[in-house]
PDB file of N, CA and C in Angstrom:
ATOM      1  N   UNK A   1     332.398 139.646  36.547  1.00  0.00           N
ATOM      2  CA  UNK A   1     332.572 140.787  37.422  1.00  0.00           C
ATOM      3  C   UNK A   1     331.395 141.737  37.232  1.00  0.00           C
ATOM      4  N   UNK A   2     330.719 142.030  38.321  1.00  0.00           N
ATOM      5  CA  UNK A   2     329.588 142.940  38.271  1.00  0.00           C
ATOM      6  C   UNK A   2     330.020 144.324  38.720  1.00  0.00           C
ATOM      7  N   UNK A   3     329.549 145.314  38.020  1.00  0.00           N
ATOM      8  CA  UNK A   3     329.848 146.696  38.366  1.00  0.00           C
ATOM      9  C   UNK A   3     328.536 147.424  38.562  1.00  0.00           C
ATOM     10  N   UNK A   4     328.318 147.905  39.759  1.00  0.00           N
ATOM     11  CA  UNK A   4     327.100 148.656  40.028  1.00  0.00           C
ATOM     12  C   UNK A   4     327.479 150.085  40.366  1.00  0.00           C
ATOM     13  N   UNK A   5     326.741 150.981  39.793  1.00  0.00           N
ATOM     14  CA  UNK A   5     326.980 152.404  40.037  1.00  0.00           C
ATOM     15  C   UNK A   5     325.748 152.954  40.732  1.00  0.00           C
ATOM     16  N   UNK A   6     325.920 153.353  41.966  1.00  0.00           N
ATOM     17  CA  UNK A   6     324.810 153.881  42.743  1.00  0.00           C
ATOM     18  C   UNK A   6     324.787 155.394  42.706  1.00  0.00           C
ATOM     19  N   UNK A   7     323.807 155.934  43.376  1.00  0.00           N
ATOM     20  CA  UNK A   7     323.650 157.376  43.435  1.00  0.00           C
ATOM     21  C   UNK A   7     324.846 158.027  44.138  1.00  0.00           C
ATOM     22  N   UNK A   8     325.365 157.382  45.173  1.00  0.00           N
ATOM     23  CA  UNK A   8     326.524 157.932  45.887  1.00  0.00           C
ATOM     24  C   UNK A   8     327.734 158.067  44.989  1.00  0.00           C
ATOM     25  N   UNK A   9     327.955 157.061  44.141  1.00  0.00           N
ATOM     26  CA  UNK A   9     329.088 157.107  43.210  1.00  0.00           C
ATOM     27  C   UNK A   9     328.926 158.244  42.216  1.00  0.00           C
ATOM     28  N   UNK A  10     327.729 158.402  41.700  1.00  0.00           N
ATOM     29  CA  UNK A  10     327.469 159.478  40.738  1.00  0.00           C
ATOM     30  C   UNK A  10     327.681 160.838  41.383  1.00  0.00           C
ATOM     31  N   UNK A  11     327.211 160.997  42.613  1.00  0.00           N
ATOM     32  CA  UNK A  11     327.388 162.278  43.303  1.00  0.00           C
ATOM     33  C   UNK A  11     328.860 162.571  43.584  1.00  0.00           C
ATOM     34  N   UNK A  12     329.606 161.575  44.028  1.00  0.00           N
ATOM     35  CA  UNK A  12     331.026 161.787  44.336  1.00  0.00           C
ATOM     36  C   UNK A  12     331.793 162.153  43.071  1.00  0.00           C
ATOM     37  N   UNK A  13     331.548 161.449  41.983  1.00  0.00           N
ATOM     38  CA  UNK A  13     332.256 161.741  40.730  1.00  0.00           C
ATOM     39  C   UNK A  13     331.864 163.122  40.205  1.00  0.00           C
ATOM     40  N   UNK A  14     330.594 163.476  40.327  1.00  0.00           N
ATOM     41  CA  UNK A  14     330.151 164.802  39.877  1.00  0.00           C
ATOM     42  C   UNK A  14     330.822 165.908  40.678  1.00  0.00           C
ATOM     43  N   UNK A  15     330.836 165.759  42.005  1.00  0.00           N
ATOM     44  CA  UNK A  15     331.483 166.772  42.840  1.00  0.00           C
ATOM     45  C   UNK A  15     332.992 166.824  42.598  1.00  0.00           C
ATOM     46  N   UNK A  16     333.607 165.688  42.316  1.00  0.00           N
ATOM     47  CA  UNK A  16     335.031 165.675  42.012  1.00  0.00           C
ATOM     48  C   UNK A  16     335.318 166.418  40.715  1.00  0.00           C
ATOM     49  N   UNK A  17     334.487 166.207  39.708  1.00  0.00           N
ATOM     50  CA  UNK A  17     334.670 166.913  38.437  1.00  0.00           C
ATOM     51  C   UNK A  17     334.455 168.416  38.609  1.00  0.00           C
ATOM     52  N   UNK A  18     333.460 168.776  39.378  1.00  0.00           N
ATOM     53  CA  UNK A  18     333.206 170.209  39.635  1.00  0.00           C
ATOM     54  C   UNK A  18     334.381 170.823  40.375  1.00  0.00           C
ATOM     55  N   UNK A  19     334.897 170.117  41.385  1.00  0.00           N
ATOM     56  CA  UNK A  19     336.047 170.635  42.139  1.00  0.00           C
ATOM     57  C   UNK A  19     337.258 170.798  41.231  1.00  0.00           C
ATOM     58  N   UNK A  20     337.487 169.844  40.335  1.00  0.00           N
ATOM     59  CA  UNK A  20     338.635 169.933  39.427  1.00  0.00           C
ATOM     60  C   UNK A  20     338.509 171.133  38.500  1.00  0.00           C
ATOM     61  N   UNK A  21     337.327 171.349  37.964  1.00  0.00           N
ATOM     62  CA  UNK A  21     337.128 172.490  37.054  1.00  0.00           C
ATOM     63  C   UNK A  21     337.296 173.807  37.797  1.00  0.00           C
ATOM     64  N   UNK A  22     336.737 173.890  38.999  1.00  0.00           N
ATOM     65  CA  UNK A  22     336.850 175.131  39.777  1.00  0.00           C
ATOM     66  C   UNK A  22     338.306 175.425  40.117  1.00  0.00           C
ATOM     67  N   UNK A  23     339.046 174.416  40.569  1.00  0.00           N
ATOM     68  CA  UNK A  23     340.448 174.626  40.917  1.00  0.00           C
ATOM     69  C   UNK A  23     341.253 175.020  39.682  1.00  0.00           C
ATOM     70  N   UNK A  24     341.007 174.356  38.561  1.00  0.00           N
ATOM     71  CA  UNK A  24     341.756 174.667  37.347  1.00  0.00           C
ATOM     72  C   UNK A  24     341.496 176.107  36.894  1.00  0.00           C
ATOM     73  N   UNK A  25     340.252 176.538  36.953  1.00  0.00           N
ATOM     74  CA  UNK A  25     339.934 177.903  36.512  1.00  0.00           C
ATOM     75  C   UNK A  25     340.394 178.962  37.511  1.00  0.00           C
ATOM     76  N   UNK A  26     340.287 178.650  38.812  1.00  0.00           N
ATOM     77  CA  UNK A  26     340.661 179.644  39.819  1.00  0.00           C
ATOM     78  C   UNK A  26     342.176 179.839  39.903  1.00  0.00           C
ATOM     79  N   UNK A  27     342.938 178.857  39.479  1.00  0.00           N
ATOM     80  CA  UNK A  27     344.394 178.993  39.541  1.00  0.00           C
ATOM     81  C   UNK A  27     344.965 179.632  38.279  1.00  0.00           C
ATOM     82  N   UNK A  28     344.117 180.016  37.346  1.00  0.00           N
ATOM     83  CA  UNK A  28     344.608 180.692  36.143  1.00  0.00           C
ATOM     84  C   UNK A  28     345.077 182.094  36.533  1.00  0.00           C
ATOM     85  N   UNK A  29     346.309 182.423  36.235  1.00  0.00           N
ATOM     86  CA  UNK A  29     346.821 183.740  36.626  1.00  0.00           C
ATOM     87  C   UNK A  29     346.326 184.815  35.658  1.00  0.00           C
ATOM     88  N   UNK A  30     346.276 186.048  36.121  1.00  0.00           N
ATOM     89  CA  UNK A  30     345.956 187.135  35.196  1.00  0.00           C
ATOM     90  C   UNK A  30     347.082 187.315  34.181  1.00  0.00           C
ATOM     91  N   UNK A  31     346.771 187.946  33.098  1.00  0.00           N
ATOM     92  CA  UNK A  31     347.746 188.083  32.008  1.00  0.00           C
ATOM     93  C   UNK A  31     348.983 188.882  32.421  1.00  0.00           C
ATOM     94  N   UNK A  32     348.831 189.820  33.334  1.00  0.00           N
ATOM     95  CA  UNK A  32     349.960 190.676  33.704  1.00  0.00           C
ATOM     96  C   UNK A  32     350.669 190.195  34.977  1.00  0.00           C
ATOM     97  N   UNK A  33     350.449 188.969  35.386  1.00  0.00           N
ATOM     98  CA  UNK A  33     351.085 188.452  36.604  1.00  0.00           C
ATOM     99  C   UNK A  33     352.570 188.181  36.355  1.00  0.00           C
ATOM    100  N   UNK A  34     353.372 188.410  37.390  1.00  0.00           N
ATOM    101  CA  UNK A  34     354.810 188.195  37.255  1.00  0.00           C
ATOM    102  C   UNK A  34     355.131 186.703  37.167  1.00  0.00           C
ATOM    103  N   UNK A  35     354.437 185.906  37.954  1.00  0.00           N
ATOM    104  CA  UNK A  35     354.665 184.451  37.929  1.00  0.00           C
ATOM    105  C   UNK A  35     353.384 183.784  37.457  1.00  0.00           C
ATOM    106  N   UNK A  36     353.502 182.968  36.442  1.00  0.00           N
ATOM    107  CA  UNK A  36     352.335 182.271  35.919  1.00  0.00           C
ATOM    108  C   UNK A  36     352.552 180.764  36.045  1.00  0.00           C
ATOM    109  N   UNK A  37     351.576 180.102  36.617  1.00  0.00           N
ATOM    110  CA  UNK A  37     351.649 178.650  36.741  1.00  0.00           C
ATOM    111  C   UNK A  37     351.411 178.032  35.367  1.00  0.00           C
ATOM    112  N   UNK A  38     352.144 176.982  35.093  1.00  0.00           N
ATOM    113  CA  UNK A  38     351.970 176.322  33.805  1.00  0.00           C
ATOM    114  C   UNK A  38     350.665 175.533  33.801  1.00  0.00           C
ATOM    115  N   UNK A  39     350.251 175.136  32.620  1.00  0.00           N
ATOM    116  CA  UNK A  39     349.023 174.354  32.514  1.00  0.00           C
ATOM    117  C   UNK A  39     349.185 173.001  33.203  1.00  0.00           C
ATOM    118  N   UNK A  40     350.398 172.473  33.183  1.00  0.00           N
ATOM    119  CA  UNK A  40     350.658 171.207  33.856  1.00  0.00           C
ATOM    120  C   UNK A  40     350.497 171.320  35.362  1.00  0.00           C
ATOM    121  N   UNK A  41     350.993 172.413  35.936  1.00  0.00           N
ATOM    122  CA  UNK A  41     350.832 172.636  37.374  1.00  0.00           C
ATOM    123  C   UNK A  41     349.362 172.796  37.737  1.00  0.00           C
ATOM    124  N   UNK A  42     348.650 173.553  36.949  1.00  0.00           N
ATOM    125  CA  UNK A  42     347.223 173.758  37.205  1.00  0.00           C
ATOM    126  C   UNK A  42     346.457 172.449  37.081  1.00  0.00           C
ATOM    127  N   UNK A  43     346.819 171.626  36.096  1.00  0.00           N
ATOM    128  CA  UNK A  43     346.162 170.337  35.921  1.00  0.00           C
ATOM    129  C   UNK A  43     346.461 169.416  37.097  1.00  0.00           C
ATOM    130  N   UNK A  44     347.688 169.453  37.583  1.00  0.00           N
ATOM    131  CA  UNK A  44     348.050 168.640  38.747  1.00  0.00           C
ATOM    132  C   UNK A  44     347.248 169.059  39.975  1.00  0.00           C
ATOM    133  N   UNK A  45     347.106 170.357  40.190  1.00  0.00           N
ATOM    134  CA  UNK A  45     346.310 170.837  41.320  1.00  0.00           C
ATOM    135  C   UNK A  45     344.850 170.407  41.179  1.00  0.00           C
ATOM    136  N   UNK A  46     344.326 170.476  39.955  1.00  0.00           N
ATOM    137  CA  UNK A  46     342.930 170.084  39.726  1.00  0.00           C
ATOM    138  C   UNK A  46     342.726 168.592  39.970  1.00  0.00           C
ATOM    139  N   UNK A  47     343.653 167.768  39.510  1.00  0.00           N
ATOM    140  CA  UNK A  47     343.537 166.327  39.736  1.00  0.00           C
ATOM    141  C   UNK A  47     343.700 165.978  41.215  1.00  0.00           C
ATOM    142  N   UNK A  48     344.549 166.708  41.898  1.00  0.00           N
ATOM    143  CA  UNK A  48     344.706 166.496  43.338  1.00  0.00           C
ATOM    144  C   UNK A  48     343.418 166.838  44.073  1.00  0.00           C
ATOM    145  N   UNK A  49     342.788 167.936  43.695  1.00  0.00           N
ATOM    146  CA  UNK A  49     341.514 168.318  44.320  1.00  0.00           C
ATOM    147  C   UNK A  49     340.451 167.260  44.050  1.00  0.00           C
ATOM    148  N   UNK A  50     340.400 166.746  42.830  1.00  0.00           N
ATOM    149  CA  UNK A  50     339.430 165.697  42.502  1.00  0.00           C
ATOM    150  C   UNK A  50     339.711 164.436  43.312  1.00  0.00           C
ATOM    151  N   UNK A  51     340.964 164.082  43.474  1.00  0.00           N
ATOM    152  CA  UNK A  51     341.317 162.910  44.269  1.00  0.00           C
ATOM    153  C   UNK A  51     340.936 163.061  45.728  1.00  0.00           C
ATOM    154  N   UNK A  52     341.107 164.262  46.254  1.00  0.00           N
ATOM    155  CA  UNK A  52     340.720 164.516  47.643  1.00  0.00           C
ATOM    156  C   UNK A  52     339.210 164.382  47.807  1.00  0.00           C
ATOM    157  N   UNK A  53     338.450 164.935  46.857  1.00  0.00           N
ATOM    158  CA  UNK A  53     336.995 164.831  46.927  1.00  0.00           C
ATOM    159  C   UNK A  53     336.555 163.369  46.832  1.00  0.00           C
ATOM    160  N   UNK A  54     337.180 162.598  45.958  1.00  0.00           N
ATOM    161  CA  UNK A  54     336.834 161.184  45.826  1.00  0.00           C
ATOM    162  C   UNK A  54     337.187 160.419  47.103  1.00  0.00           C
ATOM    163  N   UNK A  55     338.333 160.734  47.693  1.00  0.00           N
ATOM    164  CA  UNK A  55     338.722 160.076  48.939  1.00  0.00           C
ATOM    165  C   UNK A  55     337.760 160.368  50.078  1.00  0.00           C
ATOM    166  N   UNK A  56     337.415 161.629  50.242  1.00  0.00           N
ATOM    167  CA  UNK A  56     336.487 162.008  51.311  1.00  0.00           C
ATOM    168  C   UNK A  56     335.095 161.446  51.027  1.00  0.00           C
ATOM    169  N   UNK A  57     334.662 161.523  49.775  1.00  0.00           N
ATOM    170  CA  UNK A  57     333.343 160.988  49.422  1.00  0.00           C
ATOM    171  C   UNK A  57     333.268 159.486  49.597  1.00  0.00           C
ATOM    172  N   UNK A  58     334.340 158.778  49.264  1.00  0.00           N
ATOM    173  CA  UNK A  58     334.360 157.339  49.476  1.00  0.00           C
ATOM    174  C   UNK A  58     334.325 156.978  50.941  1.00  0.00           C
ATOM    175  N   UNK A  59     335.038 157.738  51.749  1.00  0.00           N
ATOM    176  CA  UNK A  59     335.042 157.493  53.194  1.00  0.00           C
ATOM    177  C   UNK A  59     333.658 157.730  53.778  1.00  0.00           C
ATOM    178  N   UNK A  60     333.059 158.879  53.436  1.00  0.00           N
ATOM    179  CA  UNK A  60     331.734 159.195  53.961  1.00  0.00           C
ATOM    180  C   UNK A  60     330.683 158.240  53.403  1.00  0.00           C
ATOM    181  N   UNK A  61     330.800 157.875  52.147  1.00  0.00           N
ATOM    182  CA  UNK A  61     329.844 156.942  51.557  1.00  0.00           C
ATOM    183  C   UNK A  61     329.901 155.583  52.203  1.00  0.00           C
ATOM    184  N   UNK A  62     331.097 155.137  52.567  1.00  0.00           N
ATOM    185  CA  UNK A  62     331.230 153.856  53.248  1.00  0.00           C
ATOM    186  C   UNK A  62     330.616 153.929  54.634  1.00  0.00           C
ATOM    187  N   UNK A  63     330.786 155.044  55.310  1.00  0.00           N
ATOM    188  CA  UNK A  63     330.208 155.193  56.643  1.00  0.00           C
ATOM    189  C   UNK A  63     328.683 155.234  56.579  1.00  0.00           C
ATOM    190  N   UNK A  64     328.137 155.818  55.539  1.00  0.00           N
ATOM    191  CA  UNK A  64     326.688 155.909  55.414  1.00  0.00           C
ATOM    192  C   UNK A  64     326.088 154.540  55.100  1.00  0.00           C
ATOM    193  N   UNK A  65     326.709 153.796  54.186  1.00  0.00           N
ATOM    194  CA  UNK A  65     326.126 152.527  53.775  1.00  0.00           C
ATOM    195  C   UNK A  65     326.389 151.397  54.760  1.00  0.00           C
ATOM    196  N   UNK A  66     327.389 151.500  55.615  1.00  0.00           N
ATOM    197  CA  UNK A  66     327.681 150.413  56.540  1.00  0.00           C
ATOM    198  C   UNK A  66     327.351 150.778  57.985  1.00  0.00           C
ATOM    199  N   UNK A  67     326.580 151.818  58.159  1.00  0.00           N
ATOM    200  CA  UNK A  67     326.233 152.250  59.508  1.00  0.00           C
ATOM    201  C   UNK A  67     325.124 151.421  60.112  1.00  0.00           C
ATOM    202  N   UNK A  68     324.647 151.832  61.276  1.00  0.00           N
ATOM    203  CA  UNK A  68     323.621 151.065  61.968  1.00  0.00           C
ATOM    204  C   UNK A  68     322.275 151.069  61.244  1.00  0.00           C
ATOM    205  N   UNK A  69     322.055 151.972  60.307  1.00  0.00           N
ATOM    206  CA  UNK A  69     320.785 152.005  59.595  1.00  0.00           C
ATOM    207  C   UNK A  69     320.600 150.767  58.727  1.00  0.00           C
ATOM    208  N   UNK A  70     321.687 150.143  58.293  1.00  0.00           N
ATOM    209  CA  UNK A  70     321.583 148.953  57.455  1.00  0.00           C
ATOM    210  C   UNK A  70     321.678 147.662  58.253  1.00  0.00           C
ATOM    211  N   UNK A  71     321.778 147.773  59.549  1.00  0.00           N
ATOM    212  CA  UNK A  71     321.848 146.578  60.388  1.00  0.00           C
ATOM    213  C   UNK A  71     320.460 145.941  60.463  1.00  0.00           C
ATOM    214  N   UNK A  72     320.410 144.634  60.621  1.00  0.00           N
ATOM    215  CA  UNK A  72     319.088 144.001  60.739  1.00  0.00           C
ATOM    216  C   UNK A  72     318.363 144.493  61.991  1.00  0.00           C
ATOM    217  N   UNK A  73     317.081 144.743  61.838  1.00  0.00           N
ATOM    218  CA  UNK A  73     316.304 145.307  62.934  1.00  0.00           C
ATOM    219  C   UNK A  73     315.605 144.190  63.698  1.00  0.00           C
ATOM    220  N   UNK A  74     315.785 144.177  64.992  1.00  0.00           N
ATOM    221  CA  UNK A  74     315.101 143.223  65.861  1.00  0.00           C
ATOM    222  C   UNK A  74     314.030 143.985  66.602  1.00  0.00           C
ATOM    223  N   UNK A  75     312.781 143.650  66.349  1.00  0.00           N
ATOM    224  CA  UNK A  75     311.685 144.391  66.985  1.00  0.00           C
ATOM    225  C   UNK A  75     311.475 143.884  68.406  1.00  0.00           C
ATOM    226  N   UNK A  76     311.241 142.611  68.564  1.00  0.00           N
ATOM    227  CA  UNK A  76     311.051 142.040  69.897  1.00  0.00           C
ATOM    228  C   UNK A  76     311.288 140.548  69.801  1.00  0.00           C
ATOM    229  N   UNK A  77     311.824 140.019  70.860  1.00  0.00           N
ATOM    230  CA  UNK A  77     312.020 138.580  70.916  1.00  0.00           C
ATOM    231  C   UNK A  77     310.760 137.945  71.494  1.00  0.00           C
ATOM    232  N   UNK A  78     310.295 136.911  70.844  1.00  0.00           N
ATOM    233  CA  UNK A  78     309.101 136.244  71.348  1.00  0.00           C
ATOM    234  C   UNK A  78     309.514 135.161  72.337  1.00  0.00           C
ATOM    235  N   UNK A  79     308.823 135.083  73.463  1.00  0.00           N
ATOM    236  CA  UNK A  79     309.163 134.048  74.436  1.00  0.00           C
ATOM    237  C   UNK A  79     308.769 132.670  73.933  1.00  0.00           C
ATOM    238  N   UNK A  80     309.548 131.703  74.254  1.00  0.00           N
ATOM    239  CA  UNK A  80     309.261 130.329  73.847  1.00  0.00           C
ATOM    240  C   UNK A  80     308.945 129.492  75.077  1.00  0.00           C
ATOM    241  N   UNK A  81     308.092 128.517  74.919  1.00  0.00           N
ATOM    242  CA  UNK A  81     307.771 127.595  76.004  1.00  0.00           C
ATOM    243  C   UNK A  81     308.625 126.362  75.853  1.00  0.00           C
ATOM    244  N   UNK A  82     309.651 126.235  76.657  1.00  0.00           N
ATOM    245  CA  UNK A  82     310.550 125.101  76.599  1.00  0.00           C
ATOM    246  C   UNK A  82     310.232 124.080  77.693  1.00  0.00           C
ATOM    247  N   UNK A  83     309.063 124.078  78.252  1.00  0.00           N
ATOM    248  CA  UNK A  83     308.759 123.158  79.346  1.00  0.00           C
ATOM    249  C   UNK A  83     308.121 121.858  78.878  1.00  0.00           C
TER     250      UNK A  83
END
């Protein structure tokens, strides 16, 4: 089994990790808040955000790599003499 890690994979995983950290830190309640989310809830939100980023990045990455830019290019057909 071969495993190749391309630039797209590295970028998607990096953005997913950044999104998870941002969501986890932004959902931290202030100390005097009446309702405080537990660490488990915050972790679940962070993992959900990372999963969404990975899903969107995988979808967009597949569209980029399988688009018409990777199709074989035909410049011109040469005429043949079949007579």
